[in-house]
Structure formats: structure tokens, C-alpha cells
N, C-alpha and C. Protein backbone atom coordinates (compact mmCIF):
# COMPACT_ATOMS: atom_id res chain seq x y z
N MET A 1 -33.12 -11.33 115.24
CA MET A 1 -32.56 -10.50 114.45
C MET A 1 -31.76 -10.91 113.72
N GLN A 2 -31.37 -10.55 112.66
CA GLN A 2 -30.56 -10.71 111.82
C GLN A 2 -28.85 -9.81 111.49
N ASP A 3 -28.07 -10.53 111.31
CA ASP A 3 -26.75 -10.04 111.27
C ASP A 3 -26.52 -9.00 110.29
N ASP A 4 -25.93 -8.15 110.32
CA ASP A 4 -25.67 -6.95 109.02
C ASP A 4 -24.81 -8.01 107.63
N ASN A 5 -23.76 -8.66 108.07
CA ASN A 5 -23.36 -9.70 107.28
C ASN A 5 -24.06 -10.77 106.46
N ASP A 6 -25.37 -11.09 106.85
CA ASP A 6 -26.08 -12.14 106.31
C ASP A 6 -27.15 -11.17 105.12
N GLU A 7 -27.46 -9.52 105.30
CA GLU A 7 -27.80 -9.03 104.21
C GLU A 7 -26.92 -8.79 103.17
N MET A 8 -25.53 -8.56 103.57
CA MET A 8 -24.32 -8.00 102.40
C MET A 8 -24.08 -9.70 101.55
N ALA A 9 -24.60 -10.74 102.23
CA ALA A 9 -24.27 -11.89 101.54
C ALA A 9 -25.32 -11.72 100.69
N MET A 10 -26.49 -11.73 101.01
CA MET A 10 -27.47 -12.16 99.62
C MET A 10 -27.40 -11.34 98.74
N ASP A 11 -26.84 -10.10 98.72
CA ASP A 11 -26.18 -8.93 97.38
C ASP A 11 -25.40 -9.62 96.49
N VAL A 12 -24.85 -10.14 96.74
CA VAL A 12 -24.03 -10.50 95.93
C VAL A 12 -23.98 -12.03 94.93
N PRO A 13 -24.30 -11.95 93.79
CA PRO A 13 -24.23 -12.39 92.80
C PRO A 13 -23.53 -14.13 92.96
N VAL A 14 -24.15 -15.08 92.81
CA VAL A 14 -23.14 -16.13 93.09
C VAL A 14 -22.77 -16.88 91.47
N GLY A 15 -21.14 -17.33 91.22
CA GLY A 15 -21.01 -17.63 90.11
C GLY A 15 -20.09 -16.68 89.47
N PRO A 16 -19.23 -17.19 88.35
CA PRO A 16 -18.34 -16.08 88.13
C PRO A 16 -18.75 -14.96 87.25
N PRO A 17 -18.34 -13.71 87.59
CA PRO A 17 -18.32 -12.74 86.96
C PRO A 17 -18.89 -12.25 85.94
N LYS A 18 -19.82 -11.42 85.21
CA LYS A 18 -19.86 -11.46 84.16
C LYS A 18 -18.92 -10.61 83.33
N PRO A 19 -18.18 -11.18 82.24
CA PRO A 19 -17.11 -10.26 81.49
C PRO A 19 -17.86 -8.90 81.12
N ARG A 20 -16.73 -7.71 81.55
CA ARG A 20 -16.99 -6.47 80.86
C ARG A 20 -17.08 -6.11 79.66
N ARG A 21 -17.86 -5.39 79.02
CA ARG A 21 -18.36 -5.25 77.51
C ARG A 21 -18.35 -3.95 77.02
N GLY A 22 -17.81 -3.46 76.15
CA GLY A 22 -18.14 -1.92 75.56
C GLY A 22 -16.44 -1.33 75.36
N TYR A 23 -16.53 -0.21 75.75
CA TYR A 23 -15.21 0.60 75.05
C TYR A 23 -14.17 0.21 75.74
N LYS A 24 -13.21 -0.60 75.16
CA LYS A 24 -11.67 -1.46 75.25
C LYS A 24 -12.17 -2.73 75.66
N ALA A 25 -13.31 -2.97 75.75
CA ALA A 25 -13.24 -4.33 76.31
C ALA A 25 -14.45 -5.39 75.26
N PRO A 26 -13.77 -5.43 73.98
CA PRO A 26 -14.50 -6.23 73.01
C PRO A 26 -14.92 -7.10 73.57
N PRO A 27 -15.93 -7.90 72.89
CA PRO A 27 -16.79 -9.50 73.47
C PRO A 27 -15.30 -10.59 73.11
N GLU A 28 -15.44 -11.40 74.08
CA GLU A 28 -14.72 -12.44 73.78
C GLU A 28 -13.89 -12.86 72.91
N ALA A 29 -14.95 -13.26 71.85
CA ALA A 29 -14.87 -14.16 70.09
C ALA A 29 -14.13 -12.72 69.36
N HIS A 30 -13.96 -11.57 69.77
CA HIS A 30 -13.14 -10.67 68.81
C HIS A 30 -12.51 -10.57 69.47
N GLN A 31 -11.66 -11.01 70.55
CA GLN A 31 -10.25 -10.42 70.84
C GLN A 31 -9.14 -11.47 70.45
N PHE A 32 -7.90 -10.80 70.57
CA PHE A 32 -6.92 -11.89 69.88
C PHE A 32 -6.81 -12.94 71.18
N LYS A 33 -6.39 -13.97 70.38
CA LYS A 33 -6.53 -15.42 71.11
C LYS A 33 -4.64 -15.17 71.34
N LYS A 34 -4.72 -15.97 72.59
CA LYS A 34 -3.59 -15.85 73.54
C LYS A 34 -2.51 -16.55 72.60
N GLY A 35 -0.95 -15.86 72.40
CA GLY A 35 0.11 -16.88 72.15
C GLY A 35 -0.09 -16.51 70.47
N ARG A 36 -0.94 -15.84 69.92
CA ARG A 36 -1.15 -15.90 68.24
C ARG A 36 -1.24 -14.04 68.00
N SER A 37 -0.34 -14.01 66.63
CA SER A 37 -0.21 -12.54 66.24
C SER A 37 -1.37 -11.97 66.22
N GLY A 38 -1.83 -10.63 66.41
CA GLY A 38 -2.58 -10.08 65.61
C GLY A 38 -2.50 -9.60 64.09
N ASN A 39 -1.19 -9.82 63.87
CA ASN A 39 -1.32 -9.56 62.21
C ASN A 39 -0.16 -10.97 62.09
N PRO A 40 -0.67 -12.29 61.61
CA PRO A 40 0.09 -13.28 61.27
C PRO A 40 1.18 -13.36 60.40
N ARG A 41 0.87 -12.59 59.15
CA ARG A 41 1.68 -12.76 57.78
C ARG A 41 2.68 -11.51 57.83
N GLY A 42 2.01 -10.71 58.81
CA GLY A 42 3.15 -9.88 58.93
C GLY A 42 3.72 -9.13 57.96
N ARG A 43 4.48 -7.87 58.21
CA ARG A 43 5.24 -7.30 57.03
C ARG A 43 6.29 -8.11 55.91
N PRO A 44 5.65 -8.29 54.83
CA PRO A 44 6.39 -8.75 53.76
C PRO A 44 7.92 -8.76 53.65
N LYS A 45 8.67 -9.95 53.46
CA LYS A 45 10.00 -9.72 53.58
C LYS A 45 10.35 -8.59 52.37
N GLY A 46 11.51 -8.10 52.34
CA GLY A 46 11.84 -7.15 51.32
C GLY A 46 10.93 -5.94 50.99
N ALA A 47 9.88 -5.73 51.95
CA ALA A 47 9.19 -4.32 51.89
C ALA A 47 10.30 -3.32 52.65
N LYS A 48 9.82 -1.91 51.92
CA LYS A 48 10.54 -1.07 52.09
C LYS A 48 9.73 0.39 52.60
N GLY A 49 10.19 1.16 53.41
CA GLY A 49 9.43 2.11 54.20
C GLY A 49 9.64 3.54 53.29
N LYS A 50 9.34 4.26 53.77
CA LYS A 50 9.44 5.68 53.14
C LYS A 50 10.69 6.10 52.97
N ARG A 51 11.22 6.15 54.57
CA ARG A 51 13.00 6.45 54.73
C ARG A 51 13.65 5.83 53.80
N GLN A 52 13.45 4.66 53.47
CA GLN A 52 14.62 3.66 52.94
C GLN A 52 14.52 3.64 51.42
N ILE A 53 12.96 4.01 50.95
CA ILE A 53 13.02 4.49 49.37
C ILE A 53 13.61 5.86 49.07
N ALA A 54 13.31 6.85 50.11
CA ALA A 54 14.04 8.09 49.96
C ALA A 54 15.83 8.25 49.96
N GLU A 55 15.97 7.19 51.02
CA GLU A 55 17.56 7.14 50.69
C GLU A 55 17.67 6.55 49.51
N LYS A 56 17.12 5.64 49.03
CA LYS A 56 17.81 5.26 48.02
C LYS A 56 18.09 5.94 46.68
N VAL A 57 16.81 6.91 46.16
CA VAL A 57 16.63 7.79 45.58
C VAL A 57 17.45 8.88 45.32
N LEU A 58 17.64 9.45 46.66
CA LEU A 58 18.77 10.75 46.81
C LEU A 58 19.93 10.22 47.25
N LEU A 59 20.20 8.98 46.93
CA LEU A 59 21.69 8.35 47.12
C LEU A 59 22.22 7.75 45.78
N GLU A 60 21.30 7.98 45.12
CA GLU A 60 21.72 7.50 44.19
C GLU A 60 22.28 8.08 42.87
N LYS A 61 23.97 6.93 42.34
CA LYS A 61 24.68 7.90 41.09
C LYS A 61 24.37 8.14 39.99
N HIS A 62 24.60 9.54 39.50
CA HIS A 62 24.55 9.41 38.11
C HIS A 62 25.90 10.31 37.69
N GLU A 63 26.16 9.79 36.48
CA GLU A 63 27.43 10.95 35.71
C GLU A 63 27.17 11.70 34.83
N VAL A 64 27.96 12.56 35.41
CA VAL A 64 27.73 14.32 35.01
C VAL A 64 28.46 14.79 34.44
N VAL A 65 28.75 15.38 33.01
CA VAL A 65 29.72 16.25 32.55
C VAL A 65 29.90 17.73 33.11
N GLU A 66 30.79 17.96 33.73
CA GLU A 66 31.40 18.68 34.36
C GLU A 66 32.39 19.65 33.45
N GLY A 67 32.55 20.89 32.96
CA GLY A 67 33.23 21.07 31.97
C GLY A 67 33.88 19.90 30.94
N ASP A 68 35.02 19.62 30.99
CA ASP A 68 35.56 18.42 30.16
C ASP A 68 35.86 17.06 30.80
N ARG A 69 35.12 17.02 31.98
CA ARG A 69 35.41 15.67 32.11
C ARG A 69 33.97 14.89 32.99
N LYS A 70 33.86 13.97 32.88
CA LYS A 70 32.71 13.16 33.84
C LYS A 70 33.06 13.38 35.20
N VAL A 71 32.01 13.52 35.99
CA VAL A 71 31.67 13.46 37.56
C VAL A 71 31.02 12.46 37.99
N GLN A 72 30.94 11.83 39.01
CA GLN A 72 29.50 11.20 39.22
C GLN A 72 29.03 12.07 40.80
N ARG A 73 28.04 12.39 40.71
CA ARG A 73 27.21 13.33 41.84
C ARG A 73 26.02 12.36 41.92
N THR A 74 25.50 12.25 43.30
CA THR A 74 24.25 11.82 43.65
C THR A 74 22.57 12.56 43.12
N THR A 75 22.09 12.35 43.31
CA THR A 75 20.95 12.93 43.30
C THR A 75 20.72 14.13 44.42
N LEU A 76 20.81 14.17 45.14
CA LEU A 76 20.60 15.19 46.24
C LEU A 76 21.76 16.21 45.76
N GLU A 77 22.93 16.27 45.71
CA GLU A 77 23.73 16.48 45.42
C GLU A 77 23.29 17.52 44.24
N LEU A 78 22.81 17.17 43.20
CA LEU A 78 22.10 17.53 41.88
C LEU A 78 21.41 18.75 41.85
N ILE A 79 19.98 18.22 43.33
CA ILE A 79 19.16 19.05 43.78
C ILE A 79 19.88 20.38 44.29
N LEU A 80 20.93 19.94 45.23
CA LEU A 80 21.61 21.38 45.69
C LEU A 80 22.33 22.15 44.98
N LEU A 81 23.17 21.84 44.29
CA LEU A 81 23.29 22.74 42.73
C LEU A 81 22.48 22.97 42.00
N THR A 82 21.41 22.53 41.65
CA THR A 82 20.35 23.25 40.75
C THR A 82 20.30 24.11 41.65
N LEU A 83 19.50 23.94 42.92
CA LEU A 83 18.87 25.16 43.51
C LEU A 83 19.98 26.32 44.17
N ARG A 84 21.28 26.24 44.06
CA ARG A 84 21.87 26.93 44.08
C ARG A 84 22.26 27.97 42.77
N ASN A 85 22.60 27.28 41.57
CA ASN A 85 22.67 28.21 40.40
C ASN A 85 21.43 28.40 39.83
N LYS A 86 20.02 28.04 40.51
CA LYS A 86 19.05 29.10 39.79
C LYS A 86 19.04 30.15 41.15
N SER A 87 19.04 30.32 42.26
CA SER A 87 19.40 31.28 43.12
C SER A 87 20.32 32.37 42.42
N PHE A 88 21.59 31.83 42.06
CA PHE A 88 22.73 32.63 41.18
C PHE A 88 21.77 33.54 40.37
N GLU A 89 21.10 33.00 39.51
CA GLU A 89 20.22 33.41 38.36
C GLU A 89 19.24 34.53 38.58
N GLY A 90 18.83 34.46 40.02
CA GLY A 90 17.97 35.55 40.73
C GLY A 90 16.52 34.95 41.17
N SER A 91 16.51 33.72 40.91
CA SER A 91 14.89 33.33 41.55
C SER A 91 15.31 33.27 43.33
N ASN A 92 13.92 34.10 43.31
CA ASN A 92 13.49 34.34 44.99
C ASN A 92 13.34 33.46 45.61
N ARG A 93 12.51 32.31 45.24
CA ARG A 93 12.28 31.15 45.41
C ARG A 93 13.25 30.02 45.98
N ALA A 94 14.09 30.02 44.95
CA ALA A 94 15.35 28.85 44.96
C ALA A 94 16.31 29.50 46.36
N PHE A 95 16.66 31.18 46.00
CA PHE A 95 17.41 31.91 47.29
C PHE A 95 16.97 31.16 48.36
N LYS A 96 15.69 31.56 49.08
CA LYS A 96 15.09 31.40 50.33
C LYS A 96 14.96 30.07 50.42
N ASP A 97 14.90 28.61 49.86
CA ASP A 97 14.94 27.29 50.04
C ASP A 97 16.06 27.15 50.38
N LEU A 98 17.28 27.96 49.80
CA LEU A 98 18.71 27.59 49.85
C LEU A 98 18.99 28.23 51.56
N GLU A 99 18.26 29.37 51.57
CA GLU A 99 18.55 29.99 53.03
C GLU A 99 18.42 29.09 53.89
N LYS A 100 17.12 28.49 53.93
CA LYS A 100 16.43 27.42 55.27
C LYS A 100 17.47 26.11 55.00
N LEU A 101 17.88 25.87 53.63
CA LEU A 101 18.49 24.57 53.94
C LEU A 101 19.91 25.38 54.76
N ALA A 102 20.48 26.28 54.42
CA ALA A 102 22.03 26.74 55.44
C ALA A 102 21.68 26.71 56.65
N ALA A 103 20.31 27.41 56.73
CA ALA A 103 20.29 27.80 58.37
C ALA A 103 20.14 26.51 59.18
N LYS A 104 19.52 25.43 58.67
CA LYS A 104 19.12 24.30 59.20
C LYS A 104 20.64 23.44 59.47
N TYR A 105 21.23 23.54 58.14
CA TYR A 105 22.44 22.45 58.42
C TYR A 105 24.07 23.17 58.55
N ASP A 106 24.07 24.47 58.34
CA ASP A 106 25.14 25.17 58.64
C ASP A 106 25.21 25.03 60.40
N PRO A 107 27.01 24.90 60.49
CA PRO A 107 26.88 25.44 62.14
C PRO A 107 26.64 26.41 62.70
N GLN A 108 26.19 26.45 63.67
CA GLN A 108 25.18 27.99 64.17
C GLN A 108 26.47 28.66 65.15
N PRO A 109 26.13 29.88 65.02
CA PRO A 109 26.98 30.91 65.01
C PRO A 109 26.89 30.87 66.79
N GLN A 110 27.74 31.13 67.73
CA GLN A 110 27.48 31.39 69.42
C GLN A 110 27.19 32.65 69.55
N THR A 111 25.60 32.26 70.13
CA THR A 111 24.81 33.61 70.46
C THR A 111 25.37 34.61 71.64
N LYS A 112 26.17 33.87 72.63
CA LYS A 112 26.26 34.88 74.24
C LYS A 112 27.28 34.63 74.30
N ARG A 113 28.05 35.60 74.64
CA ARG A 113 29.50 35.25 75.21
C ARG A 113 29.83 34.82 76.25
N VAL A 114 30.41 33.94 76.17
CA VAL A 114 31.13 33.66 77.45
C VAL A 114 31.72 33.76 78.95
N GLY A 115 32.90 34.68 78.17
CA GLY A 115 33.87 35.02 79.09
C GLY A 115 35.02 35.93 78.49
N LEU A 116 35.94 36.84 78.95
CA LEU A 116 36.72 37.83 78.59
C LEU A 116 38.06 36.81 78.83
N LEU A 117 38.90 36.91 77.87
CA LEU A 117 40.41 36.53 77.71
C LEU A 117 41.12 37.92 78.02
N VAL A 118 41.89 38.17 78.99
CA VAL A 118 42.93 39.18 79.07
C VAL A 118 43.86 38.85 79.22
N VAL A 119 44.53 39.39 77.85
CA VAL A 119 46.41 38.65 78.14
C VAL A 119 47.35 40.30 78.32
N PRO A 120 47.94 39.76 79.28
CA PRO A 120 48.79 41.03 79.73
C PRO A 120 49.71 40.92 78.64
N GLY A 121 50.58 42.23 78.43
CA GLY A 121 51.97 42.62 77.67
C GLY A 121 52.94 41.33 77.91
N ARG A 122 53.91 41.03 76.71
CA ARG A 122 54.37 39.93 76.91
C ARG A 122 55.34 39.59 78.35
N LEU A 123 55.27 38.56 78.47
CA LEU A 123 56.13 38.30 79.69
C LEU A 123 57.60 37.59 79.26
N THR A 124 57.96 37.94 80.70
CA THR A 124 59.38 37.35 80.44
C THR A 124 59.44 35.54 81.14
N MET A 125 60.24 34.45 80.67
CA MET A 125 59.98 33.66 81.53
C MET A 125 60.03 33.78 83.33
N GLU A 126 60.61 34.32 83.50
CA GLU A 126 60.66 34.25 85.05
C GLU A 126 59.99 34.76 85.63
N SER A 127 58.79 36.66 84.78
CA SER A 127 58.17 36.87 85.42
C SER A 127 56.49 36.04 85.08
N TRP A 128 56.67 35.03 84.15
CA TRP A 128 55.31 34.10 83.69
C TRP A 128 55.32 33.40 85.27
N ARG A 129 56.78 32.67 85.74
CA ARG A 129 56.65 31.28 86.69
C ARG A 129 56.33 32.41 87.75
N GLU A 130 56.78 33.24 88.16
CA GLU A 130 56.21 33.85 89.60
C GLU A 130 54.76 34.25 89.43
N LEU A 131 54.31 34.47 88.44
CA LEU A 131 52.72 34.47 88.46
C LEU A 131 51.85 33.21 88.32
N PHE A 132 52.51 32.10 87.59
CA PHE A 132 51.57 31.15 87.44
C PHE A 132 52.27 29.89 87.84
N GLU A 133 53.01 29.65 88.27
CA GLU A 133 53.94 28.35 88.58
C GLU A 133 53.85 28.13 90.10
N ALA A 134 53.27 26.93 90.60
CA ALA A 134 53.07 26.59 92.34
C ALA A 134 54.24 26.60 92.80
N LYS A 135 54.03 27.27 94.09
CA LYS A 135 55.34 27.99 94.92
C LYS A 135 55.83 26.16 95.33
N ASN A 136 56.80 25.70 95.54
CA ASN A 136 57.41 24.87 96.57
C ASN A 136 56.51 23.62 96.22
N ASP A 137 56.17 23.47 95.05
CA ASP A 137 55.17 21.96 94.91
C ASP A 137 56.24 20.80 94.25
N PRO A 138 56.56 19.83 95.04
CA PRO A 138 57.46 19.05 94.80
C PRO A 138 57.08 18.40 93.33
N THR A 139 55.48 18.31 93.37
CA THR A 139 54.81 17.18 92.00
C THR A 139 54.93 17.90 90.63
N GLN A 140 55.42 19.31 90.81
CA GLN A 140 55.85 19.89 89.39
C GLN A 140 56.91 19.51 89.10
N TYR A 141 56.75 19.47 87.26
CA TYR A 141 58.01 19.08 87.08
C TYR A 141 58.84 20.38 86.35
N ASP A 142 60.21 20.47 86.88
CA ASP A 142 60.79 21.36 86.07
C ASP A 142 61.84 21.14 85.06
N PRO A 143 61.84 21.34 83.99
CA PRO A 143 62.91 21.04 83.01
C PRO A 143 64.36 21.69 83.34
N ASP A 144 64.33 22.68 83.84
CA ASP A 144 65.99 23.16 84.32
C ASP A 144 66.51 22.36 85.04
N GLU A 145 65.99 21.45 86.03
CA GLU A 145 66.70 20.60 87.15
C GLU A 145 67.28 19.63 86.28
N GLU A 146 67.02 19.31 85.01
CA GLU A 146 67.94 18.11 84.15
C GLU A 146 69.11 18.38 83.96
């Protein structure tokens, strides 16, 4: 009579397991080598991203004549001033764009009330002390005691 363990031992293959292949498991020849970058040359020095380019262009200074004097303005300021002037001239599109910017970057008004402040009529110093000063508190500072 054979043991159940002997039958199971016959089904297990001998030797190293076969490497997994397929989705998320490329063949070993196509995998990245240990200790070596997948992008060896990397990003070139001095390369700029979209944000840096946009900042450079929008914050570039220009000399502009306003009235009788020269003023330095950034490209962004000039764009916003042009948008404002066009909306003053009656351009609906410029006005809507200016409203969107104002809604996005202006401080938002408070939407809900927090509470009420009830202020009684004028109080004399004595009546104020009676209402709000702590009774017999030795830690309180009293300017009249000096």
C-alpha cells in the first residue's frame, strides 16, 4: 500500500521553476538589468518643462508707454489689461473671460453666517466689570490697584 505523500511527491516537477511569461512578465532578455537605469542618458541638462517655459514667457518684462511715461509690465499684466480694456469696449467674450478669472482668483465671500454679535447699549466701566470680570480671581490684573 502506498502513502498519499508518495503520490504527491511524484507530481511535483524537479528542478528550478519555469519563469512566468506573459502580461507584466516579459522574457528575461527584455527585462531591465539590475543596477542599471531604464533611461541611461536621462533628461538632458538645461531641458525645460512646459511650466518653466510658460513662467518665462508670462513673467517677461516689457517697456510700455502709458501716458507720458515708460512703465515696465509683465506679459501676464499686459494680457489682463488688454482683456479688461476689450471688456470695457463691449466685448462679451472678453468680459466673460475676465469674470471667470475674477471668480477664480478673487477672495470668495463668506457663504454662511457663523453667528450673531449682540452689542448692548453703552456700559459704564463699573457695569462692564460687573458683567464680564471674574469675581475674586487673584490672577486677574487690576490697573486700579497700582
